[in-house]
C-alpha atoms as a PDB file:
ATOM      1  CA  UNK A   1       1.822 -35.792 -18.313  1.00  0.00           C
ATOM      2  CA  UNK A   2       1.529 -32.054 -18.918  1.00  0.00           C
ATOM      3  CA  UNK A   3       4.209 -30.705 -21.224  1.00  0.00           C
ATOM      4  CA  UNK A   4       6.496 -28.171 -19.552  1.00  0.00           C
ATOM      5  CA  UNK A   5       6.579 -25.059 -21.724  1.00  0.00           C
ATOM      6  CA  UNK A   6       8.234 -21.665 -21.465  1.00  0.00           C
ATOM      7  CA  UNK A   7       4.895 -20.117 -20.543  1.00  0.00           C
ATOM      8  CA  UNK A   8       4.324 -22.621 -17.729  1.00  0.00           C
ATOM      9  CA  UNK A   9       7.818 -21.970 -16.365  1.00  0.00           C
ATOM     10  CA  UNK A  10       7.259 -18.198 -16.384  1.00  0.00           C
ATOM     11  CA  UNK A  11       3.936 -18.633 -14.557  1.00  0.00           C
ATOM     12  CA  UNK A  12       5.474 -21.011 -11.994  1.00  0.00           C
ATOM     13  CA  UNK A  13       8.374 -18.688 -11.145  1.00  0.00           C
ATOM     14  CA  UNK A  14       6.069 -15.668 -11.001  1.00  0.00           C
ATOM     15  CA  UNK A  15       3.816 -17.401  -8.483  1.00  0.00           C
ATOM     16  CA  UNK A  16       6.848 -18.631  -6.518  1.00  0.00           C
ATOM     17  CA  UNK A  17       7.897 -15.015  -5.982  1.00  0.00           C
ATOM     18  CA  UNK A  18       4.349 -13.980  -5.039  1.00  0.00           C
ATOM     19  CA  UNK A  19       3.962 -11.678  -8.047  1.00  0.00           C
ATOM     20  CA  UNK A  20       0.848 -10.953 -10.074  1.00  0.00           C
ATOM     21  CA  UNK A  21       0.782 -10.628 -13.856  1.00  0.00           C
ATOM     22  CA  UNK A  22       0.279  -6.870 -13.427  1.00  0.00           C
ATOM     23  CA  UNK A  23       3.299  -6.477 -11.147  1.00  0.00           C
ATOM     24  CA  UNK A  24       5.557  -8.626 -13.348  1.00  0.00           C
ATOM     25  CA  UNK A  25       4.504  -6.622 -16.401  1.00  0.00           C
ATOM     26  CA  UNK A  26       5.196  -3.330 -14.608  1.00  0.00           C
ATOM     27  CA  UNK A  27       8.730  -4.394 -13.659  1.00  0.00           C
ATOM     28  CA  UNK A  28       9.476  -5.605 -17.195  1.00  0.00           C
ATOM     29  CA  UNK A  29       7.952  -2.559 -18.890  1.00  0.00           C
ATOM     30  CA  UNK A  30       5.336  -4.549 -20.809  1.00  0.00           C
ATOM     31  CA  UNK A  31       1.564  -4.934 -20.561  1.00  0.00           C
ATOM     32  CA  UNK A  32      -0.258  -7.448 -18.384  1.00  0.00           C
ATOM     33  CA  UNK A  33      -1.867  -8.823 -21.568  1.00  0.00           C
ATOM     34  CA  UNK A  34       1.607  -9.641 -22.907  1.00  0.00           C
ATOM     35  CA  UNK A  35       2.479 -11.582 -19.749  1.00  0.00           C
ATOM     36  CA  UNK A  36      -0.845 -13.426 -19.951  1.00  0.00           C
ATOM     37  CA  UNK A  37      -0.136 -14.446 -23.558  1.00  0.00           C
ATOM     38  CA  UNK A  38       3.335 -15.699 -22.557  1.00  0.00           C
ATOM     39  CA  UNK A  39       1.948 -17.857 -19.757  1.00  0.00           C
ATOM     40  CA  UNK A  40      -0.796 -19.281 -21.982  1.00  0.00           C
ATOM     41  CA  UNK A  41       1.773 -20.026 -24.733  1.00  0.00           C
ATOM     42  CA  UNK A  42      -0.020 -17.751 -27.178  1.00  0.00           C
ATOM     43  CA  UNK A  43       3.206 -15.830 -27.777  1.00  0.00           C
ATOM     44  CA  UNK A  44       6.814 -15.809 -26.609  1.00  0.00           C
ATOM     45  CA  UNK A  45       8.700 -12.986 -24.890  1.00  0.00           C
ATOM     46  CA  UNK A  46      11.136 -11.004 -26.995  1.00  0.00           C
ATOM     47  CA  UNK A  47      14.717 -12.256 -26.793  1.00  0.00           C
ATOM     48  CA  UNK A  48      15.687  -9.046 -24.971  1.00  0.00           C
ATOM     49  CA  UNK A  49      13.301 -10.037 -22.170  1.00  0.00           C
ATOM     50  CA  UNK A  50      15.039 -13.336 -21.398  1.00  0.00           C
ATOM     51  CA  UNK A  51      17.964 -11.806 -19.430  1.00  0.00           C
ATOM     52  CA  UNK A  52      15.515  -9.669 -17.426  1.00  0.00           C
ATOM     53  CA  UNK A  53      13.323 -12.670 -16.631  1.00  0.00           C
ATOM     54  CA  UNK A  54      16.263 -14.879 -15.649  1.00  0.00           C
ATOM     55  CA  UNK A  55      17.691 -12.151 -13.392  1.00  0.00           C
ATOM     56  CA  UNK A  56      14.314 -11.523 -11.743  1.00  0.00           C
ATOM     57  CA  UNK A  57      13.741 -15.256 -11.146  1.00  0.00           C
ATOM     58  CA  UNK A  58      17.417 -15.845 -10.118  1.00  0.00           C
ATOM     59  CA  UNK A  59      17.876 -18.627 -12.642  1.00  0.00           C
ATOM     60  CA  UNK A  60      19.890 -19.016 -15.816  1.00  0.00           C
ATOM     61  CA  UNK A  61      18.486 -18.414 -19.282  1.00  0.00           C
ATOM     62  CA  UNK A  62      19.019 -22.117 -20.021  1.00  0.00           C
ATOM     63  CA  UNK A  63      16.885 -23.043 -17.017  1.00  0.00           C
ATOM     64  CA  UNK A  64      14.219 -20.581 -18.110  1.00  0.00           C
ATOM     65  CA  UNK A  65      14.168 -22.150 -21.588  1.00  0.00           C
ATOM     66  CA  UNK A  66      14.142 -25.685 -20.141  1.00  0.00           C
ATOM     67  CA  UNK A  67      17.555 -26.665 -21.504  1.00  0.00           C
ATOM     68  CA  UNK A  68      18.581 -28.001 -18.105  1.00  0.00           C
ATOM     69  CA  UNK A  69      16.656 -28.751 -14.961  1.00  0.00           C
ATOM     70  CA  UNK A  70      16.506 -26.103 -12.339  1.00  0.00           C
ATOM     71  CA  UNK A  71      18.644 -27.025  -9.328  1.00  0.00           C
ATOM     72  CA  UNK A  72      18.706 -23.876  -7.240  1.00  0.00           C
ATOM     73  CA  UNK A  73      16.409 -20.885  -7.189  1.00  0.00           C
ATOM     74  CA  UNK A  74      15.966 -17.911  -4.975  1.00  0.00           C
ATOM     75  CA  UNK A  75      13.382 -18.421  -2.234  1.00  0.00           C
ATOM     76  CA  UNK A  76      11.154 -15.528  -1.219  1.00  0.00           C
ATOM     77  CA  UNK A  77      11.656 -16.190   2.457  1.00  0.00           C
ATOM     78  CA  UNK A  78      13.358 -14.845   5.518  1.00  0.00           C
ATOM     79  CA  UNK A  79      15.981 -16.962   7.350  1.00  0.00           C
ATOM     80  CA  UNK A  80      15.176 -20.327   8.830  1.00  0.00           C
ATOM     81  CA  UNK A  81      12.012 -20.924  10.831  1.00  0.00           C
ATOM     82  CA  UNK A  82      10.846 -23.980  12.790  1.00  0.00           C
ATOM     83  CA  UNK A  83       9.731 -26.891  10.637  1.00  0.00           C
ATOM     84  CA  UNK A  84       6.084 -26.302  11.425  1.00  0.00           C
ATOM     85  CA  UNK A  85       6.004 -22.877   9.758  1.00  0.00           C
ATOM     86  CA  UNK A  86       6.846 -21.620   6.301  1.00  0.00           C
ATOM     87  CA  UNK A  87       8.889 -18.388   6.113  1.00  0.00           C
ATOM     88  CA  UNK A  88       7.331 -15.040   5.364  1.00  0.00           C
ATOM     89  CA  UNK A  89       7.015 -14.134   1.685  1.00  0.00           C
ATOM     90  CA  UNK A  90       6.922 -10.517   0.623  1.00  0.00           C
ATOM     91  CA  UNK A  91       6.113  -8.862  -2.645  1.00  0.00           C
ATOM     92  CA  UNK A  92       8.550  -6.620  -4.446  1.00  0.00           C
ATOM     93  CA  UNK A  93       8.077  -2.850  -4.349  1.00  0.00           C
ATOM     94  CA  UNK A  94       5.580  -1.252  -6.713  1.00  0.00           C
ATOM     95  CA  UNK A  95       5.326   2.292  -8.007  1.00  0.00           C
ATOM     96  CA  UNK A  96       1.906   3.537  -7.001  1.00  0.00           C
ATOM     97  CA  UNK A  97       2.081   2.829  -3.260  1.00  0.00           C
ATOM     98  CA  UNK A  98       5.653   4.122  -3.058  1.00  0.00           C
ATOM     99  CA  UNK A  99       4.543   7.422  -4.564  1.00  0.00           C
ATOM    100  CA  UNK A 100       1.640   7.541  -2.114  1.00  0.00           C
ATOM    101  CA  UNK A 101       3.900   7.082   0.925  1.00  0.00           C
ATOM    102  CA  UNK A 102       6.351   9.661  -0.442  1.00  0.00           C
ATOM    103  CA  UNK A 103       3.588  12.244  -0.966  1.00  0.00           C
ATOM    104  CA  UNK A 104       2.205  11.511   2.504  1.00  0.00           C
ATOM    105  CA  UNK A 105       5.574  12.249   4.126  1.00  0.00           C
ATOM    106  CA  UNK A 106       6.301  15.244   1.884  1.00  0.00           C
ATOM    107  CA  UNK A 107       2.891  16.791   2.586  1.00  0.00           C
ATOM    108  CA  UNK A 108       3.260  16.311   6.346  1.00  0.00           C
ATOM    109  CA  UNK A 109       6.822  17.608   6.454  1.00  0.00           C
ATOM    110  CA  UNK A 110       6.052  20.501   4.114  1.00  0.00           C
ATOM    111  CA  UNK A 111       3.181  21.753   6.269  1.00  0.00           C
ATOM    112  CA  UNK A 112       5.296  21.501   9.432  1.00  0.00           C
ATOM    113  CA  UNK A 113       8.129  23.461   7.779  1.00  0.00           C
ATOM    114  CA  UNK A 114       5.725  26.100   6.445  1.00  0.00           C
ATOM    115  CA  UNK A 115       4.214  26.586   9.894  1.00  0.00           C
ATOM    116  CA  UNK A 116       7.640  27.011  11.516  1.00  0.00           C
ATOM    117  CA  UNK A 117       9.486  29.045   8.866  1.00  0.00           C
ATOM    118  CA  UNK A 118       7.062  31.297   7.007  1.00  0.00           C
ATOM    119  CA  UNK A 119       4.602  33.983   8.232  1.00  0.00           C
ATOM    120  CA  UNK A 120       1.671  32.589   6.269  1.00  0.00           C
ATOM    121  CA  UNK A 121      -0.862  32.877   9.089  1.00  0.00           C
ATOM    122  CA  UNK A 122      -0.788  29.122   9.465  1.00  0.00           C
ATOM    123  CA  UNK A 123      -1.587  27.520  12.791  1.00  0.00           C
ATOM    124  CA  UNK A 124       0.393  24.845  14.587  1.00  0.00           C
ATOM    125  CA  UNK A 125      -1.109  21.362  14.350  1.00  0.00           C
ATOM    126  CA  UNK A 126       0.008  18.490  16.633  1.00  0.00           C
ATOM    127  CA  UNK A 127       2.223  16.096  14.696  1.00  0.00           C
ATOM    128  CA  UNK A 128       0.086  12.972  15.080  1.00  0.00           C
ATOM    129  CA  UNK A 129      -3.080  14.860  14.153  1.00  0.00           C
ATOM    130  CA  UNK A 130      -1.380  16.211  11.039  1.00  0.00           C
ATOM    131  CA  UNK A 131       0.033  12.787  10.146  1.00  0.00           C
ATOM    132  CA  UNK A 132      -3.399  11.160  10.415  1.00  0.00           C
ATOM    133  CA  UNK A 133      -5.211  13.816   8.371  1.00  0.00           C
ATOM    134  CA  UNK A 134      -2.616  13.862   5.569  1.00  0.00           C
ATOM    135  CA  UNK A 135      -2.557  10.051   5.529  1.00  0.00           C
ATOM    136  CA  UNK A 136      -6.340   9.846   5.239  1.00  0.00           C
ATOM    137  CA  UNK A 137      -6.337  12.418   2.416  1.00  0.00           C
ATOM    138  CA  UNK A 138      -3.602  10.692   0.397  1.00  0.00           C
ATOM    139  CA  UNK A 139      -5.193   7.266   1.010  1.00  0.00           C
ATOM    140  CA  UNK A 140      -8.488   8.511  -0.395  1.00  0.00           C
ATOM    141  CA  UNK A 141      -6.973  10.217  -3.435  1.00  0.00           C
ATOM    142  CA  UNK A 142      -4.791   7.273  -4.433  1.00  0.00           C
ATOM    143  CA  UNK A 143      -7.725   4.888  -4.134  1.00  0.00           C
ATOM    144  CA  UNK A 144      -9.640   6.662  -6.887  1.00  0.00           C
ATOM    145  CA  UNK A 145      -7.457   5.121  -9.614  1.00  0.00           C
ATOM    146  CA  UNK A 146      -7.664   2.737 -11.394  1.00  0.00           C
ATOM    147  CA  UNK A 147     -10.929   1.694  -9.699  1.00  0.00           C
ATOM    148  CA  UNK A 148     -13.121   4.613  -8.625  1.00  0.00           C
ATOM    149  CA  UNK A 149     -14.584   4.247  -5.152  1.00  0.00           C
ATOM    150  CA  UNK A 150     -17.064   6.503  -3.418  1.00  0.00           C
ATOM    151  CA  UNK A 151     -15.624   5.343  -0.109  1.00  0.00           C
ATOM    152  CA  UNK A 152     -12.132   6.507  -1.095  1.00  0.00           C
ATOM    153  CA  UNK A 153     -13.593   9.808  -2.332  1.00  0.00           C
ATOM    154  CA  UNK A 154     -15.241  10.257   1.056  1.00  0.00           C
ATOM    155  CA  UNK A 155     -11.931   9.619   2.824  1.00  0.00           C
ATOM    156  CA  UNK A 156     -10.201  12.207   0.623  1.00  0.00           C
ATOM    157  CA  UNK A 157     -12.877  14.868   1.178  1.00  0.00           C
ATOM    158  CA  UNK A 158     -13.131  14.201   4.902  1.00  0.00           C
ATOM    159  CA  UNK A 159      -9.356  14.244   5.437  1.00  0.00           C
ATOM    160  CA  UNK A 160      -8.816  17.265   3.176  1.00  0.00           C
ATOM    161  CA  UNK A 161     -11.557  19.300   4.825  1.00  0.00           C
ATOM    162  CA  UNK A 162     -10.308  18.738   8.351  1.00  0.00           C
ATOM    163  CA  UNK A 163      -6.704  19.274   7.225  1.00  0.00           C
ATOM    164  CA  UNK A 164      -7.675  22.672   5.811  1.00  0.00           C
ATOM    165  CA  UNK A 165      -9.569  23.602   8.978  1.00  0.00           C
ATOM    166  CA  UNK A 166      -6.697  22.512  11.230  1.00  0.00           C
ATOM    167  CA  UNK A 167      -4.010  24.430   9.335  1.00  0.00           C
ATOM    168  CA  UNK A 168      -5.824  27.591   8.235  1.00  0.00           C
ATOM    169  CA  UNK A 169      -8.710  28.185  10.599  1.00  0.00           C
ATOM    170  CA  UNK A 170      -8.494  26.203  13.848  1.00  0.00           C
ATOM    171  CA  UNK A 171     -10.557  28.828  15.627  1.00  0.00           C
ATOM    172  CA  UNK A 172     -13.603  28.015  13.490  1.00  0.00           C
ATOM    173  CA  UNK A 173     -16.103  26.217  15.676  1.00  0.00           C
ATOM    174  CA  UNK A 174     -17.639  23.321  13.789  1.00  0.00           C
ATOM    175  CA  UNK A 175     -21.202  22.379  14.584  1.00  0.00           C
ATOM    176  CA  UNK A 176     -20.571  18.769  15.651  1.00  0.00           C
ATOM    177  CA  UNK A 177     -24.281  18.114  16.153  1.00  0.00           C
ATOM    178  CA  UNK A 178     -24.840  18.764  12.449  1.00  0.00           C
ATOM    179  CA  UNK A 179     -21.512  17.482  11.145  1.00  0.00           C
ATOM    180  CA  UNK A 180     -21.738  13.981  12.609  1.00  0.00           C
ATOM    181  CA  UNK A 181     -25.089  13.062  10.977  1.00  0.00           C
ATOM    182  CA  UNK A 182     -23.898  14.470   7.630  1.00  0.00           C
ATOM    183  CA  UNK A 183     -20.683  12.459   7.893  1.00  0.00           C
ATOM    184  CA  UNK A 184     -22.550   9.245   8.711  1.00  0.00           C
ATOM    185  CA  UNK A 185     -24.994   9.729   5.833  1.00  0.00           C
ATOM    186  CA  UNK A 186     -22.172  10.461   3.376  1.00  0.00           C
ATOM    187  CA  UNK A 187     -20.143   7.407   4.340  1.00  0.00           C
ATOM    188  CA  UNK A 188     -23.254   5.241   4.351  1.00  0.00           C
ATOM    189  CA  UNK A 189     -24.212   6.357   0.848  1.00  0.00           C
ATOM    190  CA  UNK A 190     -20.667   5.885  -0.441  1.00  0.00           C
ATOM    191  CA  UNK A 191     -20.477   2.334   0.896  1.00  0.00           C
ATOM    192  CA  UNK A 192     -23.951   1.580  -0.488  1.00  0.00           C
ATOM    193  CA  UNK A 193     -22.969   2.826  -3.959  1.00  0.00           C
ATOM    194  CA  UNK A 194     -19.770   0.760  -3.947  1.00  0.00           C
ATOM    195  CA  UNK A 195     -21.633  -2.342  -2.760  1.00  0.00           C
ATOM    196  CA  UNK A 196     -24.400  -2.065  -5.369  1.00  0.00           C
ATOM    197  CA  UNK A 197     -21.901  -1.387  -8.121  1.00  0.00           C
ATOM    198  CA  UNK A 198     -19.895  -4.450  -7.094  1.00  0.00           C
ATOM    199  CA  UNK A 199     -22.838  -6.715  -7.939  1.00  0.00           C
ATOM    200  CA  UNK A 200     -22.453  -5.904 -11.610  1.00  0.00           C
ATOM    201  CA  UNK A 201     -19.414  -8.113 -11.834  1.00  0.00           C
ATOM    202  CA  UNK A 202     -16.391  -9.434 -10.037  1.00  0.00           C
ATOM    203  CA  UNK A 203     -13.855  -6.767  -9.233  1.00  0.00           C
ATOM    204  CA  UNK A 204     -10.298  -7.918  -8.784  1.00  0.00           C
ATOM    205  CA  UNK A 205      -7.722  -5.197  -8.203  1.00  0.00           C
ATOM    206  CA  UNK A 206      -4.203  -6.614  -8.141  1.00  0.00           C
ATOM    207  CA  UNK A 207      -1.089  -4.594  -7.484  1.00  0.00           C
ATOM    208  CA  UNK A 208       2.219  -4.944  -5.734  1.00  0.00           C
ATOM    209  CA  UNK A 209       3.114  -3.719  -2.310  1.00  0.00           C
ATOM    210  CA  UNK A 210       5.020  -0.447  -2.294  1.00  0.00           C
ATOM    211  CA  UNK A 211       6.496   1.316   0.717  1.00  0.00           C
ATOM    212  CA  UNK A 212       3.607  -0.108   2.695  1.00  0.00           C
ATOM    213  CA  UNK A 213       3.975  -3.297   4.698  1.00  0.00           C
ATOM    214  CA  UNK A 214       2.722  -6.686   3.509  1.00  0.00           C
ATOM    215  CA  UNK A 215       3.173  -9.828   5.597  1.00  0.00           C
ATOM    216  CA  UNK A 216       2.322 -13.377   4.600  1.00  0.00           C
ATOM    217  CA  UNK A 217       3.118 -16.513   6.560  1.00  0.00           C
ATOM    218  CA  UNK A 218       2.059 -20.163   6.714  1.00  0.00           C
ATOM    219  CA  UNK A 219       1.742 -21.752  10.144  1.00  0.00           C
ATOM    220  CA  UNK A 220       1.224 -25.484   9.715  1.00  0.00           C
ATOM    221  CA  UNK A 221      -2.153 -25.669   7.966  1.00  0.00           C
ATOM    222  CA  UNK A 222      -3.118 -22.044   8.643  1.00  0.00           C
ATOM    223  CA  UNK A 223      -2.116 -18.707   7.152  1.00  0.00           C
ATOM    224  CA  UNK A 224      -1.595 -15.147   8.351  1.00  0.00           C
ATOM    225  CA  UNK A 225      -1.534 -12.181   5.968  1.00  0.00           C
ATOM    226  CA  UNK A 226      -1.767  -8.460   6.596  1.00  0.00           C
ATOM    227  CA  UNK A 227      -1.458  -5.275   4.563  1.00  0.00           C
ATOM    228  CA  UNK A 228      -0.829  -1.725   5.743  1.00  0.00           C
ATOM    229  CA  UNK A 229      -1.153   1.171   3.280  1.00  0.00           C
ATOM    230  CA  UNK A 230      -0.753  -1.025   0.199  1.00  0.00           C
ATOM    231  CA  UNK A 231      -2.375  -3.602  -2.063  1.00  0.00           C
ATOM    232  CA  UNK A 232      -1.800  -7.345  -1.871  1.00  0.00           C
ATOM    233  CA  UNK A 233      -3.152 -10.520  -3.482  1.00  0.00           C
ATOM    234  CA  UNK A 234      -2.550 -13.913  -1.879  1.00  0.00           C
ATOM    235  CA  UNK A 235      -3.436 -17.358  -3.183  1.00  0.00           C
ATOM    236  CA  UNK A 236      -3.547 -19.866  -0.327  1.00  0.00           C
ATOM    237  CA  UNK A 237      -2.185 -23.267  -1.329  1.00  0.00           C
ATOM    238  CA  UNK A 238      -2.490 -25.932   1.379  1.00  0.00           C
ATOM    239  CA  UNK A 239      -3.437 -29.624   1.337  1.00  0.00           C
ATOM    240  CA  UNK A 240      -5.861 -29.061   4.237  1.00  0.00           C
ATOM    241  CA  UNK A 241      -6.828 -25.564   5.387  1.00  0.00           C
ATOM    242  CA  UNK A 242      -7.556 -25.412   9.107  1.00  0.00           C
ATOM    243  CA  UNK A 243      -7.898 -21.659   9.479  1.00  0.00           C
ATOM    244  CA  UNK A 244      -6.320 -18.287   8.926  1.00  0.00           C
ATOM    245  CA  UNK A 245      -6.218 -14.574   9.645  1.00  0.00           C
ATOM    246  CA  UNK A 246      -6.328 -11.631   7.265  1.00  0.00           C
ATOM    247  CA  UNK A 247      -6.129  -7.940   8.110  1.00  0.00           C
ATOM    248  CA  UNK A 248      -5.886  -4.731   6.095  1.00  0.00           C
ATOM    249  CA  UNK A 249      -5.469  -1.127   7.213  1.00  0.00           C
ATOM    250  CA  UNK A 250      -5.575   1.665   4.608  1.00  0.00           C
ATOM    251  CA  UNK A 251      -5.293  -0.654   1.614  1.00  0.00           C
ATOM    252  CA  UNK A 252      -6.756  -3.505  -0.429  1.00  0.00           C
ATOM    253  CA  UNK A 253      -6.269  -7.195   0.280  1.00  0.00           C
ATOM    254  CA  UNK A 254      -7.413 -10.190  -1.804  1.00  0.00           C
ATOM    255  CA  UNK A 255      -7.307 -13.735  -0.401  1.00  0.00           C
ATOM    256  CA  UNK A 256      -8.002 -16.655  -2.760  1.00  0.00           C
ATOM    257  CA  UNK A 257      -8.743 -20.137  -1.352  1.00  0.00           C
ATOM    258  CA  UNK A 258      -9.092 -21.970  -4.669  1.00  0.00           C
ATOM    259  CA  UNK A 259      -5.729 -23.743  -4.395  1.00  0.00           C
ATOM    260  CA  UNK A 260      -6.644 -25.432  -1.101  1.00  0.00           C
ATOM    261  CA  UNK A 261      -7.254 -29.138  -1.685  1.00  0.00           C
ATOM    262  CA  UNK A 262      -9.493 -29.640   1.371  1.00  0.00           C
ATOM    263  CA  UNK A 263     -10.854 -27.871   4.456  1.00  0.00           C
ATOM    264  CA  UNK A 264     -10.964 -29.140   8.030  1.00  0.00           C
ATOM    265  CA  UNK A 265     -14.292 -29.567   9.790  1.00  0.00           C
ATOM    266  CA  UNK A 266     -13.568 -26.729  12.219  1.00  0.00           C
ATOM    267  CA  UNK A 267     -11.963 -24.355   9.699  1.00  0.00           C
ATOM    268  CA  UNK A 268     -12.197 -20.780  11.014  1.00  0.00           C
ATOM    269  CA  UNK A 269     -10.980 -17.593   9.278  1.00  0.00           C
ATOM    270  CA  UNK A 270     -10.831 -14.143  10.841  1.00  0.00           C
ATOM    271  CA  UNK A 271     -10.952 -11.031   8.619  1.00  0.00           C
ATOM    272  CA  UNK A 272     -10.376  -7.491   9.900  1.00  0.00           C
ATOM    273  CA  UNK A 273     -10.643  -4.413   7.680  1.00  0.00           C
ATOM    274  CA  UNK A 274      -9.965  -0.827   8.813  1.00  0.00           C
ATOM    275  CA  UNK A 275     -10.243   1.983   6.236  1.00  0.00           C
ATOM    276  CA  UNK A 276      -9.803  -0.286   3.239  1.00  0.00           C
ATOM    277  CA  UNK A 277     -11.296  -3.189   1.334  1.00  0.00           C
ATOM    278  CA  UNK A 278     -10.848  -6.942   1.537  1.00  0.00           C
ATOM    279  CA  UNK A 279     -12.055  -9.716  -0.772  1.00  0.00           C
ATOM    280  CA  UNK A 280     -12.184 -13.423   0.051  1.00  0.00           C
ATOM    281  CA  UNK A 281     -12.573 -15.780  -2.939  1.00  0.00           C
ATOM    282  CA  UNK A 282     -13.916 -19.230  -2.075  1.00  0.00           C
ATOM    283  CA  UNK A 283     -14.656 -22.210  -4.337  1.00  0.00           C
ATOM    284  CA  UNK A 284     -18.284 -23.201  -4.790  1.00  0.00           C
ATOM    285  CA  UNK A 285     -17.741 -26.552  -3.077  1.00  0.00           C
ATOM    286  CA  UNK A 286     -17.427 -24.588   0.184  1.00  0.00           C
ATOM    287  CA  UNK A 287     -20.220 -23.015   2.213  1.00  0.00           C
ATOM    288  CA  UNK A 288     -19.304 -19.932   4.255  1.00  0.00           C
ATOM    289  CA  UNK A 289     -20.982 -19.113   7.550  1.00  0.00           C
ATOM    290  CA  UNK A 290     -20.388 -15.506   8.577  1.00  0.00           C
ATOM    291  CA  UNK A 291     -20.235 -13.774  11.940  1.00  0.00           C
ATOM    292  CA  UNK A 292     -20.206 -10.039  11.224  1.00  0.00           C
ATOM    293  CA  UNK A 293     -19.108  -7.089  13.339  1.00  0.00           C
ATOM    294  CA  UNK A 294     -19.226  -3.721  11.599  1.00  0.00           C
ATOM    295  CA  UNK A 295     -18.650  -0.101  12.580  1.00  0.00           C
ATOM    296  CA  UNK A 296     -19.475   2.151   9.612  1.00  0.00           C
ATOM    297  CA  UNK A 297     -18.428  -0.704   7.333  1.00  0.00           C
ATOM    298  CA  UNK A 298     -20.094  -3.366   5.198  1.00  0.00           C
ATOM    299  CA  UNK A 299     -19.856  -7.109   4.659  1.00  0.00           C
ATOM    300  CA  UNK A 300     -21.267  -8.448   1.379  1.00  0.00           C
ATOM    301  CA  UNK A 301     -21.608 -11.952  -0.097  1.00  0.00           C
ATOM    302  CA  UNK A 302     -21.695 -12.474  -3.870  1.00  0.00           C
ATOM    303  CA  UNK A 303     -22.793 -15.714  -5.467  1.00  0.00           C
ATOM    304  CA  UNK A 304     -23.702 -18.875  -3.600  1.00  0.00           C
ATOM    305  CA  UNK A 305     -22.193 -22.290  -2.852  1.00  0.00           C
ATOM    306  CA  UNK A 306     -22.848 -25.130  -5.258  1.00  0.00           C
ATOM    307  CA  UNK A 307     -25.344 -27.916  -4.541  1.00  0.00           C
ATOM    308  CA  UNK A 308     -22.446 -30.298  -3.875  1.00  0.00           C
ATOM    309  CA  UNK A 309     -20.764 -28.065  -1.234  1.00  0.00           C
ATOM    310  CA  UNK A 310     -18.988 -30.562   1.001  1.00  0.00           C
ATOM    311  CA  UNK A 311     -17.122 -28.175   3.296  1.00  0.00           C
ATOM    312  CA  UNK A 312     -18.219 -25.493   5.755  1.00  0.00           C
ATOM    313  CA  UNK A 313     -15.927 -22.738   7.004  1.00  0.00           C
ATOM    314  CA  UNK A 314     -16.673 -20.095   9.626  1.00  0.00           C
ATOM    315  CA  UNK A 315     -15.618 -16.552   8.693  1.00  0.00           C
ATOM    316  CA  UNK A 316     -15.552 -13.871  11.389  1.00  0.00           C
ATOM    317  CA  UNK A 317     -15.704 -10.421   9.745  1.00  0.00           C
ATOM    318  CA  UNK A 318     -14.757  -7.188  11.486  1.00  0.00           C
ATOM    319  CA  UNK A 319     -15.174  -4.104   9.247  1.00  0.00           C
ATOM    320  CA  UNK A 320     -14.446  -0.612  10.609  1.00  0.00           C
ATOM    321  CA  UNK A 321     -14.922   2.097   7.961  1.00  0.00           C
ATOM    322  CA  UNK A 322     -14.175  -0.524   5.325  1.00  0.00           C
ATOM    323  CA  UNK A 323     -15.738  -3.184   3.122  1.00  0.00           C
ATOM    324  CA  UNK A 324     -15.360  -6.959   3.167  1.00  0.00           C
ATOM    325  CA  UNK A 325     -16.580  -9.005   0.172  1.00  0.00           C
ATOM    326  CA  UNK A 326     -16.965 -12.791   0.092  1.00  0.00           C
ATOM    327  CA  UNK A 327     -17.275 -14.112  -3.458  1.00  0.00           C
ATOM    328  CA  UNK A 328     -18.077 -17.638  -4.632  1.00  0.00           C
ATOM    329  CA  UNK A 329     -16.289 -18.575  -7.862  1.00  0.00           C
END
């Protein structure tokens, strides 16, 4: 029987709340390496951290230390659902995405106010056009850190250029016959660079959802998860996986299937990515068969199934100005 240690309890409660080591470290004001050492029992958290951990996990310090058995904990769920479904679990707010949403709204509102209140020779831009251009610009800029991406750089340049033209010089006639081929070549090169660079090693970018919207839900032996303007990482844990759906729009989504004990014979997963990136991690005892639909996007497979792959799952990929990666680990 595996000994229950403080590190194992911290890891269990972190996963119960749907948090990553990075997000837990950010909320505690420590490094992700420190959290990793705690969970691997290489070191213990400072005594000043115990009240913070117990409050975050909604348990007592005695329960955290294993003095008494845990009897009641906070569930990361919404109110009751039918027995066949597990409630939605959401991640706690993070800093980076919240700042991104705030800057998006401030930039949009600031331009609208400047156009209405000050004689700066600015031109009126329809609200939804302005909202889309500022959103695309902020999405691109905030995707350049901590993992540089040519695709995100392209989004920032494309959105910023058209935002400038719309606000300052709407009467300038753009040569669409020349602009469209240049745009296609630029986005194609950016996606190619990101794809080739990804083969140098596994890239896992984990962060917590901010003001964006993350949804995760179990439905019997299937799952549904979606991310809008944020980052999310989900580990699917089911006795038998029969299927699932994942979607991301202006963000990054990671789905990990390693905690699934088995896969049904007709297991089918649908992935949709619009202006973002999505990664599906599958164990090497599973063989993935892909059906791809792309519009200025890419679908890449990294690694290969093992010789003893006993399961086959069908993955339907739909990438629009985004990238979908399937990685065998």
